[in-house]
Amino acid sequence: MDYNPGILTSMGSYSFPQIPYFGPRQATGVLIGQGIIALGFMMMISFRQK
């Protein structure tokens, strides 16, 4: 078995793409998660009753 320093440092020999690609399910999950985060921020705003 050859010694591979890339395994220990978690660095591969390929570069990351400039534009990340999300599959359709992952993109849908990201959008749902962002919506939930936005809803949480809106719920944190305290509205004063007149």
PDB file of N, CA and C in Angstrom:
ATOM      1  N   MET A   1       0.849  -1.183   0.000  1.00  0.00           N
ATOM      2  CA  MET A   1       0.000   0.000   0.000  1.00  0.00           C
ATOM      3  C   MET A   1       0.890   1.239   0.000  1.00  0.00           C
ATOM      4  N   ASP A   2       0.636   2.127  -0.938  1.00  0.00           N
ATOM      5  CA  ASP A   2       1.439   3.337  -1.061  1.00  0.00           C
ATOM      6  C   ASP A   2       0.979   4.387  -0.064  1.00  0.00           C
ATOM      7  N   TYR A   3       1.932   5.210   0.335  1.00  0.00           N
ATOM      8  CA  TYR A   3       1.622   6.319   1.241  1.00  0.00           C
ATOM      9  C   TYR A   3       1.045   7.468   0.434  1.00  0.00           C
ATOM     10  N   ASN A   4      -0.131   7.958   0.823  1.00  0.00           N
ATOM     11  CA  ASN A   4      -0.784   9.056   0.113  1.00  0.00           C
ATOM     12  C   ASN A   4      -1.045  10.179   1.110  1.00  0.00           C
ATOM     13  N   PRO A   5      -0.266  11.279   1.059  1.00  0.00           N
ATOM     14  CA  PRO A   5      -0.487  12.367   2.022  1.00  0.00           C
ATOM     15  C   PRO A   5      -1.818  13.079   1.812  1.00  0.00           C
ATOM     16  N   GLY A   6      -2.422  12.933   0.640  1.00  0.00           N
ATOM     17  CA  GLY A   6      -3.716  13.566   0.378  1.00  0.00           C
ATOM     18  C   GLY A   6      -4.822  13.015   1.256  1.00  0.00           C
ATOM     19  N   ILE A   7      -4.713  11.751   1.631  1.00  0.00           N
ATOM     20  CA  ILE A   7      -5.728  11.146   2.494  1.00  0.00           C
ATOM     21  C   ILE A   7      -5.664  11.763   3.890  1.00  0.00           C
ATOM     22  N   LEU A   8      -4.457  12.004   4.382  1.00  0.00           N
ATOM     23  CA  LEU A   8      -4.304  12.553   5.727  1.00  0.00           C
ATOM     24  C   LEU A   8      -4.679  14.027   5.796  1.00  0.00           C
ATOM     25  N   THR A   9      -4.445  14.762   4.720  1.00  0.00           N
ATOM     26  CA  THR A   9      -4.722  16.198   4.735  1.00  0.00           C
ATOM     27  C   THR A   9      -6.086  16.529   4.161  1.00  0.00           C
ATOM     28  N   SER A  10      -6.812  15.537   3.673  1.00  0.00           N
ATOM     29  CA  SER A  10      -8.144  15.715   3.074  1.00  0.00           C
ATOM     30  C   SER A  10      -8.112  16.662   1.885  1.00  0.00           C
ATOM     31  N   MET A  11      -7.020  16.637   1.159  1.00  0.00           N
ATOM     32  CA  MET A  11      -6.896  17.477  -0.032  1.00  0.00           C
ATOM     33  C   MET A  11      -6.731  16.565  -1.240  1.00  0.00           C
ATOM     34  N   GLY A  12      -7.571  16.756  -2.235  1.00  0.00           N
ATOM     35  CA  GLY A  12      -7.472  15.970  -3.446  1.00  0.00           C
ATOM     36  C   GLY A  12      -6.614  16.666  -4.487  1.00  0.00           C
ATOM     37  N   SER A  13      -6.445  16.001  -5.621  1.00  0.00           N
ATOM     38  CA  SER A  13      -5.631  16.576  -6.683  1.00  0.00           C
ATOM     39  C   SER A  13      -6.476  17.348  -7.694  1.00  0.00           C
ATOM     40  N   TYR A  14      -7.775  17.445  -7.463  1.00  0.00           N
ATOM     41  CA  TYR A  14      -8.648  18.164  -8.386  1.00  0.00           C
ATOM     42  C   TYR A  14      -9.050  19.497  -7.769  1.00  0.00           C
ATOM     43  N   SER A  15      -9.384  20.454  -8.616  1.00  0.00           N
ATOM     44  CA  SER A  15      -9.823  21.760  -8.121  1.00  0.00           C
ATOM     45  C   SER A  15     -11.343  21.801  -8.074  1.00  0.00           C
ATOM     46  N   PHE A  16     -11.869  22.643  -7.215  1.00  0.00           N
ATOM     47  CA  PHE A  16     -13.308  22.773  -7.091  1.00  0.00           C
ATOM     48  C   PHE A  16     -13.867  23.548  -8.279  1.00  0.00           C
ATOM     49  N   PRO A  17     -15.082  23.256  -8.703  1.00  0.00           N
ATOM     50  CA  PRO A  17     -15.671  24.023  -9.806  1.00  0.00           C
ATOM     51  C   PRO A  17     -15.959  25.459  -9.382  1.00  0.00           C
ATOM     52  N   GLN A  18     -15.942  26.367 -10.338  1.00  0.00           N
ATOM     53  CA  GLN A  18     -16.194  27.770 -10.036  1.00  0.00           C
ATOM     54  C   GLN A  18     -17.643  27.986  -9.607  1.00  0.00           C
ATOM     55  N   ILE A  19     -18.584  27.303 -10.248  1.00  0.00           N
ATOM     56  CA  ILE A  19     -20.002  27.421  -9.911  1.00  0.00           C
ATOM     57  C   ILE A  19     -20.442  26.084  -9.317  1.00  0.00           C
ATOM     58  N   PRO A  20     -20.858  26.063  -8.046  1.00  0.00           N
ATOM     59  CA  PRO A  20     -21.278  24.789  -7.465  1.00  0.00           C
ATOM     60  C   PRO A  20     -22.567  24.300  -8.112  1.00  0.00           C
ATOM     61  N   TYR A  21     -22.667  22.995  -8.308  1.00  0.00           N
ATOM     62  CA  TYR A  21     -23.855  22.407  -8.919  1.00  0.00           C
ATOM     63  C   TYR A  21     -24.652  21.692  -7.843  1.00  0.00           C
ATOM     64  N   PHE A  22     -25.919  22.036  -7.743  1.00  0.00           N
ATOM     65  CA  PHE A  22     -26.823  21.344  -6.842  1.00  0.00           C
ATOM     66  C   PHE A  22     -27.786  20.512  -7.679  1.00  0.00           C
ATOM     67  N   GLY A  23     -28.050  19.317  -7.249  1.00  0.00           N
ATOM     68  CA  GLY A  23     -29.062  18.508  -7.902  1.00  0.00           C
ATOM     69  C   GLY A  23     -30.438  19.065  -7.583  1.00  0.00           C
ATOM     70  N   PRO A  24     -31.472  18.592  -8.264  1.00  0.00           N
ATOM     71  CA  PRO A  24     -32.811  19.154  -8.044  1.00  0.00           C
ATOM     72  C   PRO A  24     -33.325  18.976  -6.613  1.00  0.00           C
ATOM     73  N   ARG A  25     -33.068  17.835  -6.005  1.00  0.00           N
ATOM     74  CA  ARG A  25     -33.529  17.626  -4.621  1.00  0.00           C
ATOM     75  C   ARG A  25     -32.747  18.485  -3.646  1.00  0.00           C
ATOM     76  N   GLN A  26     -31.445  18.601  -3.869  1.00  0.00           N
ATOM     77  CA  GLN A  26     -30.625  19.412  -2.973  1.00  0.00           C
ATOM     78  C   GLN A  26     -30.990  20.883  -3.107  1.00  0.00           C
ATOM     79  N   ALA A  27     -31.245  21.346  -4.335  1.00  0.00           N
ATOM     80  CA  ALA A  27     -31.636  22.741  -4.541  1.00  0.00           C
ATOM     81  C   ALA A  27     -32.974  23.026  -3.865  1.00  0.00           C
ATOM     82  N   THR A  28     -33.913  22.078  -3.947  1.00  0.00           N
ATOM     83  CA  THR A  28     -35.204  22.252  -3.284  1.00  0.00           C
ATOM     84  C   THR A  28     -35.022  22.303  -1.769  1.00  0.00           C
ATOM     85  N   GLY A  29     -34.172  21.451  -1.235  1.00  0.00           N
ATOM     86  CA  GLY A  29     -33.910  21.458   0.200  1.00  0.00           C
ATOM     87  C   GLY A  29     -33.266  22.751   0.668  1.00  0.00           C
ATOM     88  N   VAL A  30     -32.360  23.299  -0.148  1.00  0.00           N
ATOM     89  CA  VAL A  30     -31.727  24.570   0.208  1.00  0.00           C
ATOM     90  C   VAL A  30     -32.769  25.680   0.243  1.00  0.00           C
ATOM     91  N   LEU A  31     -33.655  25.715  -0.745  1.00  0.00           N
ATOM     92  CA  LEU A  31     -34.696  26.750  -0.781  1.00  0.00           C
ATOM     93  C   LEU A  31     -35.650  26.621   0.401  1.00  0.00           C
ATOM     94  N   ILE A  32     -36.036  25.396   0.742  1.00  0.00           N
ATOM     95  CA  ILE A  32     -36.925  25.191   1.889  1.00  0.00           C
ATOM     96  C   ILE A  32     -36.223  25.626   3.175  1.00  0.00           C
ATOM     97  N   GLY A  33     -34.950  25.275   3.316  1.00  0.00           N
ATOM     98  CA  GLY A  33     -34.193  25.676   4.501  1.00  0.00           C
ATOM     99  C   GLY A  33     -34.061  27.182   4.621  1.00  0.00           C
ATOM    100  N   GLN A  34     -33.819  27.867   3.502  1.00  0.00           N
ATOM    101  CA  GLN A  34     -33.721  29.322   3.536  1.00  0.00           C
ATOM    102  C   GLN A  34     -35.064  29.945   3.900  1.00  0.00           C
ATOM    103  N   GLY A  35     -36.152  29.347   3.428  1.00  0.00           N
ATOM    104  CA  GLY A  35     -37.478  29.848   3.785  1.00  0.00           C
ATOM    105  C   GLY A  35     -37.757  29.694   5.272  1.00  0.00           C
ATOM    106  N   ILE A  36     -37.351  28.563   5.838  1.00  0.00           N
ATOM    107  CA  ILE A  36     -37.549  28.341   7.274  1.00  0.00           C
ATOM    108  C   ILE A  36     -36.720  29.330   8.087  1.00  0.00           C
ATOM    109  N   ILE A  37     -35.490  29.593   7.642  1.00  0.00           N
ATOM    110  CA  ILE A  37     -34.650  30.573   8.335  1.00  0.00           C
ATOM    111  C   ILE A  37     -35.281  31.954   8.261  1.00  0.00           C
ATOM    112  N   ALA A  38     -35.794  32.341   7.086  1.00  0.00           N
ATOM    113  CA  ALA A  38     -36.444  33.650   6.941  1.00  0.00           C
ATOM    114  C   ALA A  38     -37.675  33.739   7.832  1.00  0.00           C
ATOM    115  N   LEU A  39     -38.452  32.658   7.909  1.00  0.00           N
ATOM    116  CA  LEU A  39     -39.625  32.639   8.778  1.00  0.00           C
ATOM    117  C   LEU A  39     -39.214  32.799  10.240  1.00  0.00           C
ATOM    118  N   GLY A  40     -38.126  32.161  10.637  1.00  0.00           N
ATOM    119  CA  GLY A  40     -37.637  32.300  12.008  1.00  0.00           C
ATOM    120  C   GLY A  40     -37.219  33.723  12.329  1.00  0.00           C
ATOM    121  N   PHE A  41     -36.554  34.391  11.367  1.00  0.00           N
ATOM    122  CA  PHE A  41     -36.183  35.788  11.589  1.00  0.00           C
ATOM    123  C   PHE A  41     -37.420  36.668  11.713  1.00  0.00           C
ATOM    124  N   MET A  42     -38.432  36.405  10.899  1.00  0.00           N
ATOM    125  CA  MET A  42     -39.661  37.201  10.969  1.00  0.00           C
ATOM    126  C   MET A  42     -40.378  36.976  12.295  1.00  0.00           C
ATOM    127  N   MET A  43     -40.311  35.762  12.832  1.00  0.00           N
ATOM    128  CA  MET A  43     -40.960  35.478  14.111  1.00  0.00           C
ATOM    129  C   MET A  43     -40.217  36.131  15.276  1.00  0.00           C
ATOM    130  N   MET A  44     -38.934  36.441  15.092  1.00  0.00           N
ATOM    131  CA  MET A  44     -38.170  37.087  16.160  1.00  0.00           C
ATOM    132  C   MET A  44     -38.492  38.570  16.276  1.00  0.00           C
ATOM    133  N   ILE A  45     -39.048  39.169  15.225  1.00  0.00           N
ATOM    134  CA  ILE A  45     -39.386  40.590  15.265  1.00  0.00           C
ATOM    135  C   ILE A  45     -40.607  40.759  16.160  1.00  0.00           C
ATOM    136  N   SER A  46     -40.503  41.616  17.151  1.00  0.00           N
ATOM    137  CA  SER A  46     -41.643  41.834  18.046  1.00  0.00           C
ATOM    138  C   SER A  46     -42.476  42.999  17.512  1.00  0.00           C
ATOM    139  N   PHE A  47     -43.734  42.715  17.277  1.00  0.00           N
ATOM    140  CA  PHE A  47     -44.660  43.739  16.802  1.00  0.00           C
ATOM    141  C   PHE A  47     -45.400  44.317  18.002  1.00  0.00           C
ATOM    142  N   ARG A  48     -45.437  45.619  18.071  1.00  0.00           N
ATOM    143  CA  ARG A  48     -46.128  46.276  19.187  1.00  0.00           C
ATOM    144  C   ARG A  48     -47.598  46.448  18.839  1.00  0.00           C
ATOM    145  N   GLN A  49     -48.443  46.107  19.781  1.00  0.00           N
ATOM    146  CA  GLN A  49     -49.877  46.279  19.569  1.00  0.00           C
ATOM    147  C   GLN A  49     -50.275  47.689  19.973  1.00  0.00           C
ATOM    148  N   LYS A  50     -51.170  48.278  19.207  1.00  0.00           N
ATOM    149  CA  LYS A  50     -51.614  49.653  19.495  1.00  0.00           C
ATOM    150  C   LYS A  50     -52.749  49.666  20.489  1.00  0.00           C
TER     151      LYS A  50
END
